[in-house]
Amino acid sequence: MKTYESVIIVKPQLSDTEVGQFVTKVKDLITKNNGEVTSEEKLGRRKFTHEINHVRDGFYLYLKFKAEPAFVKTLEEALKLNENVLRSMTMNALEIKAKPAHVK
């Protein structure tokens, strides 16, 4: 399994409970496909520099999860079909390995 990061922007009209339900659905989709959610953050509402479908702001969500590479396509398709999602992006998470300190 690889580690992935997703940033999802949902419509600002959603209430906090609806956003919570949406996050739960996405996490359930990940776990049902043998994935594991390692972290999640609700980054809050933010204004866009340009309109997206006549909308000026959105609610940002961040998810970090482990899953098989084939699942990413399934997740992206599910997010595209959801009418509450304005934009989403899933990418490989870079795992930075700490180098030992150089001692002189």
N, C-alpha and C. Protein backbone atom coordinates (compact mmCIF):
# COMPACT_ATOMS: atom_id res chain seq x y z
N MET A 1 0.83 -1.18 0.00
CA MET A 1 0.00 0.00 0.00
C MET A 1 0.88 1.25 0.00
N LYS A 2 0.41 2.28 -0.69
CA LYS A 2 1.11 3.55 -0.75
C LYS A 2 0.35 4.58 0.10
N THR A 3 1.04 5.64 0.44
CA THR A 3 0.42 6.72 1.20
C THR A 3 0.03 7.84 0.24
N TYR A 4 -1.19 8.34 0.39
CA TYR A 4 -1.73 9.39 -0.47
C TYR A 4 -2.27 10.53 0.37
N GLU A 5 -2.34 11.71 -0.26
CA GLU A 5 -2.95 12.88 0.35
C GLU A 5 -4.03 13.38 -0.59
N SER A 6 -5.17 13.75 -0.02
CA SER A 6 -6.27 14.32 -0.81
C SER A 6 -6.68 15.65 -0.22
N VAL A 7 -6.88 16.61 -1.10
CA VAL A 7 -7.48 17.88 -0.72
C VAL A 7 -8.80 17.95 -1.48
N ILE A 8 -9.87 18.17 -0.73
CA ILE A 8 -11.21 18.18 -1.30
C ILE A 8 -11.86 19.51 -0.93
N ILE A 9 -12.45 20.19 -1.91
CA ILE A 9 -13.17 21.43 -1.67
C ILE A 9 -14.65 21.15 -1.89
N VAL A 10 -15.45 21.37 -0.85
CA VAL A 10 -16.89 21.14 -0.95
C VAL A 10 -17.62 22.48 -0.93
N LYS A 11 -18.88 22.46 -1.32
CA LYS A 11 -19.70 23.67 -1.40
C LYS A 11 -19.80 24.34 -0.02
N PRO A 12 -19.76 25.67 0.01
CA PRO A 12 -19.83 26.37 1.28
C PRO A 12 -21.22 26.35 1.91
N GLN A 13 -22.25 25.98 1.16
CA GLN A 13 -23.60 25.95 1.70
C GLN A 13 -23.83 24.80 2.67
N LEU A 14 -22.92 23.83 2.68
CA LEU A 14 -23.08 22.68 3.57
C LEU A 14 -22.89 23.10 5.03
N SER A 15 -23.74 22.57 5.90
CA SER A 15 -23.58 22.84 7.33
C SER A 15 -22.44 22.00 7.87
N ASP A 16 -22.05 22.28 9.11
CA ASP A 16 -20.95 21.53 9.73
C ASP A 16 -21.31 20.05 9.86
N THR A 17 -22.57 19.73 10.13
CA THR A 17 -22.97 18.32 10.25
C THR A 17 -22.93 17.63 8.88
N GLU A 18 -23.32 18.36 7.83
CA GLU A 18 -23.26 17.78 6.48
C GLU A 18 -21.82 17.55 6.04
N VAL A 19 -20.92 18.46 6.41
CA VAL A 19 -19.50 18.28 6.10
C VAL A 19 -18.97 17.07 6.85
N GLY A 20 -19.37 16.92 8.11
CA GLY A 20 -18.96 15.76 8.90
C GLY A 20 -19.45 14.45 8.30
N GLN A 21 -20.70 14.45 7.81
CA GLN A 21 -21.25 13.26 7.16
C GLN A 21 -20.50 12.95 5.88
N PHE A 22 -20.13 13.98 5.13
CA PHE A 22 -19.38 13.79 3.89
C PHE A 22 -18.02 13.16 4.19
N VAL A 23 -17.33 13.68 5.21
CA VAL A 23 -16.01 13.14 5.60
C VAL A 23 -16.15 11.68 6.01
N THR A 24 -17.20 11.37 6.76
CA THR A 24 -17.44 9.99 7.19
C THR A 24 -17.65 9.07 5.99
N LYS A 25 -18.39 9.53 4.98
CA LYS A 25 -18.63 8.72 3.78
C LYS A 25 -17.32 8.46 3.03
N VAL A 26 -16.49 9.48 2.91
CA VAL A 26 -15.22 9.31 2.20
C VAL A 26 -14.31 8.36 2.98
N LYS A 27 -14.25 8.50 4.29
CA LYS A 27 -13.43 7.60 5.11
C LYS A 27 -13.95 6.17 5.03
N ASP A 28 -15.27 5.99 5.01
CA ASP A 28 -15.85 4.65 4.87
C ASP A 28 -15.49 4.04 3.52
N LEU A 29 -15.50 4.86 2.46
CA LEU A 29 -15.12 4.36 1.14
C LEU A 29 -13.68 3.88 1.15
N ILE A 30 -12.81 4.60 1.82
CA ILE A 30 -11.39 4.22 1.89
C ILE A 30 -11.24 2.91 2.66
N THR A 31 -11.88 2.80 3.82
CA THR A 31 -11.71 1.60 4.65
C THR A 31 -12.39 0.38 4.04
N LYS A 32 -13.49 0.57 3.31
CA LYS A 32 -14.16 -0.56 2.66
C LYS A 32 -13.31 -1.15 1.54
N ASN A 33 -12.40 -0.34 1.01
CA ASN A 33 -11.51 -0.81 -0.06
C ASN A 33 -10.12 -1.14 0.49
N ASN A 34 -10.08 -1.64 1.72
CA ASN A 34 -8.86 -2.10 2.39
C ASN A 34 -7.82 -1.00 2.58
N GLY A 35 -8.28 0.25 2.69
CA GLY A 35 -7.39 1.36 2.95
C GLY A 35 -7.41 1.73 4.42
N GLU A 36 -6.58 2.69 4.78
CA GLU A 36 -6.49 3.13 6.17
C GLU A 36 -6.28 4.64 6.20
N VAL A 37 -7.17 5.36 6.87
CA VAL A 37 -7.05 6.81 7.01
C VAL A 37 -6.09 7.09 8.15
N THR A 38 -5.00 7.80 7.86
CA THR A 38 -4.01 8.08 8.89
C THR A 38 -4.21 9.45 9.53
N SER A 39 -4.75 10.41 8.78
CA SER A 39 -5.05 11.71 9.39
C SER A 39 -6.09 12.44 8.56
N GLU A 40 -6.79 13.36 9.22
CA GLU A 40 -7.77 14.20 8.54
C GLU A 40 -7.77 15.57 9.19
N GLU A 41 -8.04 16.58 8.38
CA GLU A 41 -8.12 17.94 8.89
C GLU A 41 -9.21 18.67 8.14
N LYS A 42 -10.01 19.41 8.89
CA LYS A 42 -10.98 20.31 8.29
C LYS A 42 -10.33 21.68 8.31
N LEU A 43 -9.93 22.16 7.14
CA LEU A 43 -9.19 23.41 7.04
C LEU A 43 -10.09 24.64 7.05
N GLY A 44 -11.39 24.45 6.93
CA GLY A 44 -12.34 25.55 7.03
C GLY A 44 -12.67 26.20 5.70
N ARG A 45 -13.49 27.22 5.81
CA ARG A 45 -13.93 27.95 4.61
C ARG A 45 -12.87 28.97 4.20
N ARG A 46 -12.64 29.03 2.88
CA ARG A 46 -11.66 29.97 2.33
C ARG A 46 -12.19 30.55 1.04
N LYS A 47 -11.80 31.77 0.75
CA LYS A 47 -12.20 32.43 -0.49
C LYS A 47 -11.29 31.98 -1.63
N PHE A 48 -11.86 31.89 -2.82
CA PHE A 48 -11.10 31.55 -4.02
C PHE A 48 -10.61 32.84 -4.68
N THR A 49 -9.54 32.75 -5.45
CA THR A 49 -9.11 33.90 -6.23
C THR A 49 -9.96 34.01 -7.50
N HIS A 50 -10.47 32.87 -7.98
CA HIS A 50 -11.34 32.85 -9.15
C HIS A 50 -12.57 32.02 -8.82
N GLU A 51 -13.69 32.36 -9.43
CA GLU A 51 -14.92 31.61 -9.20
C GLU A 51 -14.82 30.19 -9.76
N ILE A 52 -15.45 29.26 -9.06
CA ILE A 52 -15.60 27.89 -9.55
C ILE A 52 -17.10 27.64 -9.62
N ASN A 53 -17.63 27.48 -10.82
CA ASN A 53 -19.08 27.27 -11.02
C ASN A 53 -19.90 28.35 -10.32
N HIS A 54 -19.49 29.61 -10.45
CA HIS A 54 -20.17 30.77 -9.87
C HIS A 54 -20.15 30.78 -8.35
N VAL A 55 -19.20 30.10 -7.75
CA VAL A 55 -19.05 30.05 -6.29
C VAL A 55 -17.74 30.74 -5.94
N ARG A 56 -17.75 31.59 -4.90
CA ARG A 56 -16.57 32.38 -4.54
C ARG A 56 -15.77 31.81 -3.38
N ASP A 57 -16.30 30.82 -2.63
CA ASP A 57 -15.55 30.22 -1.53
C ASP A 57 -15.95 28.76 -1.37
N GLY A 58 -15.20 28.04 -0.56
CA GLY A 58 -15.48 26.63 -0.35
C GLY A 58 -14.90 26.15 0.97
N PHE A 59 -15.30 24.97 1.37
CA PHE A 59 -14.82 24.35 2.61
C PHE A 59 -13.75 23.33 2.24
N TYR A 60 -12.55 23.51 2.77
CA TYR A 60 -11.41 22.67 2.42
C TYR A 60 -11.27 21.52 3.42
N LEU A 61 -11.01 20.32 2.88
CA LEU A 61 -10.76 19.12 3.69
C LEU A 61 -9.44 18.51 3.24
N TYR A 62 -8.71 17.95 4.20
CA TYR A 62 -7.44 17.28 3.91
C TYR A 62 -7.49 15.89 4.51
N LEU A 63 -7.19 14.88 3.70
CA LEU A 63 -7.14 13.50 4.17
C LEU A 63 -5.80 12.88 3.78
N LYS A 64 -5.20 12.15 4.69
CA LYS A 64 -3.99 11.37 4.38
C LYS A 64 -4.35 9.92 4.66
N PHE A 65 -4.09 9.06 3.68
CA PHE A 65 -4.51 7.66 3.82
C PHE A 65 -3.56 6.73 3.09
N LYS A 66 -3.65 5.46 3.46
CA LYS A 66 -2.89 4.40 2.79
C LYS A 66 -3.88 3.55 2.02
N ALA A 67 -3.52 3.24 0.77
CA ALA A 67 -4.41 2.43 -0.07
C ALA A 67 -3.61 1.86 -1.24
N GLU A 68 -4.25 0.94 -1.93
CA GLU A 68 -3.66 0.37 -3.14
C GLU A 68 -3.74 1.42 -4.26
N PRO A 69 -2.77 1.43 -5.17
CA PRO A 69 -2.79 2.42 -6.25
C PRO A 69 -4.05 2.40 -7.12
N ALA A 70 -4.65 1.24 -7.31
CA ALA A 70 -5.85 1.16 -8.15
C ALA A 70 -7.04 1.86 -7.51
N PHE A 71 -7.03 2.01 -6.19
CA PHE A 71 -8.16 2.63 -5.49
C PHE A 71 -8.25 4.13 -5.75
N VAL A 72 -7.15 4.78 -6.06
CA VAL A 72 -7.15 6.23 -6.25
C VAL A 72 -8.11 6.62 -7.37
N LYS A 73 -8.14 5.86 -8.43
CA LYS A 73 -9.05 6.14 -9.54
C LYS A 73 -10.51 6.00 -9.07
N THR A 74 -10.80 5.00 -8.27
CA THR A 74 -12.14 4.80 -7.73
C THR A 74 -12.55 5.98 -6.87
N LEU A 75 -11.64 6.46 -6.03
CA LEU A 75 -11.93 7.59 -5.16
C LEU A 75 -12.20 8.85 -5.99
N GLU A 76 -11.35 9.12 -6.95
CA GLU A 76 -11.52 10.31 -7.79
C GLU A 76 -12.85 10.28 -8.55
N GLU A 77 -13.23 9.11 -9.07
CA GLU A 77 -14.52 8.99 -9.77
C GLU A 77 -15.69 9.24 -8.82
N ALA A 78 -15.60 8.71 -7.60
CA ALA A 78 -16.68 8.92 -6.62
C ALA A 78 -16.79 10.40 -6.25
N LEU A 79 -15.66 11.09 -6.13
CA LEU A 79 -15.69 12.51 -5.79
C LEU A 79 -16.23 13.35 -6.95
N LYS A 80 -15.91 12.97 -8.18
CA LYS A 80 -16.43 13.69 -9.35
C LYS A 80 -17.94 13.57 -9.46
N LEU A 81 -18.49 12.43 -9.06
CA LEU A 81 -19.93 12.20 -9.15
C LEU A 81 -20.71 12.86 -8.01
N ASN A 82 -20.03 13.26 -6.95
CA ASN A 82 -20.69 13.88 -5.81
C ASN A 82 -20.96 15.35 -6.13
N GLU A 83 -22.21 15.76 -6.04
CA GLU A 83 -22.59 17.13 -6.41
C GLU A 83 -22.10 18.18 -5.41
N ASN A 84 -21.70 17.77 -4.22
CA ASN A 84 -21.22 18.72 -3.22
C ASN A 84 -19.74 19.04 -3.36
N VAL A 85 -19.02 18.31 -4.20
CA VAL A 85 -17.58 18.51 -4.37
C VAL A 85 -17.34 19.49 -5.51
N LEU A 86 -16.63 20.58 -5.21
CA LEU A 86 -16.27 21.55 -6.24
C LEU A 86 -14.98 21.14 -6.94
N ARG A 87 -13.98 20.75 -6.17
CA ARG A 87 -12.69 20.30 -6.71
C ARG A 87 -12.09 19.27 -5.75
N SER A 88 -11.23 18.42 -6.31
CA SER A 88 -10.48 17.48 -5.47
C SER A 88 -9.18 17.14 -6.16
N MET A 89 -8.20 16.80 -5.36
CA MET A 89 -6.90 16.39 -5.89
C MET A 89 -6.31 15.34 -4.94
N THR A 90 -5.87 14.24 -5.52
CA THR A 90 -5.21 13.19 -4.75
C THR A 90 -3.82 12.99 -5.33
N MET A 91 -2.83 12.93 -4.44
CA MET A 91 -1.45 12.78 -4.89
C MET A 91 -0.68 11.88 -3.94
N ASN A 92 0.46 11.38 -4.42
CA ASN A 92 1.34 10.58 -3.56
C ASN A 92 1.88 11.45 -2.44
N ALA A 93 1.92 10.90 -1.26
CA ALA A 93 2.50 11.63 -0.12
C ALA A 93 3.99 11.36 -0.10
N LEU A 94 4.75 12.41 0.01
CA LEU A 94 6.21 12.25 0.10
C LEU A 94 6.57 12.00 1.55
N GLU A 95 7.28 10.93 1.75
CA GLU A 95 7.75 10.62 3.09
C GLU A 95 9.21 11.02 3.18
N ILE A 96 9.47 12.05 3.95
CA ILE A 96 10.83 12.58 4.06
C ILE A 96 11.55 11.83 5.17
N LYS A 97 12.65 11.24 4.81
CA LYS A 97 13.45 10.51 5.79
C LYS A 97 14.51 11.44 6.34
N ALA A 98 14.58 11.49 7.64
CA ALA A 98 15.56 12.35 8.29
C ALA A 98 16.96 11.79 8.10
N LYS A 99 17.87 12.67 7.71
CA LYS A 99 19.27 12.25 7.56
C LYS A 99 19.97 12.44 8.90
N PRO A 100 20.89 11.56 9.24
CA PRO A 100 21.62 11.74 10.50
C PRO A 100 22.44 13.02 10.45
N ALA A 101 22.56 13.65 11.60
CA ALA A 101 23.33 14.90 11.70
C ALA A 101 24.79 14.62 11.37
N HIS A 102 25.38 15.53 10.66
CA HIS A 102 26.79 15.40 10.28
C HIS A 102 27.65 15.90 11.43
N VAL A 103 28.44 15.03 11.98
CA VAL A 103 29.30 15.41 13.12
C VAL A 103 30.72 15.63 12.61
N LYS A 104 31.31 16.76 13.02
CA LYS A 104 32.68 17.07 12.59
C LYS A 104 33.65 16.77 13.69
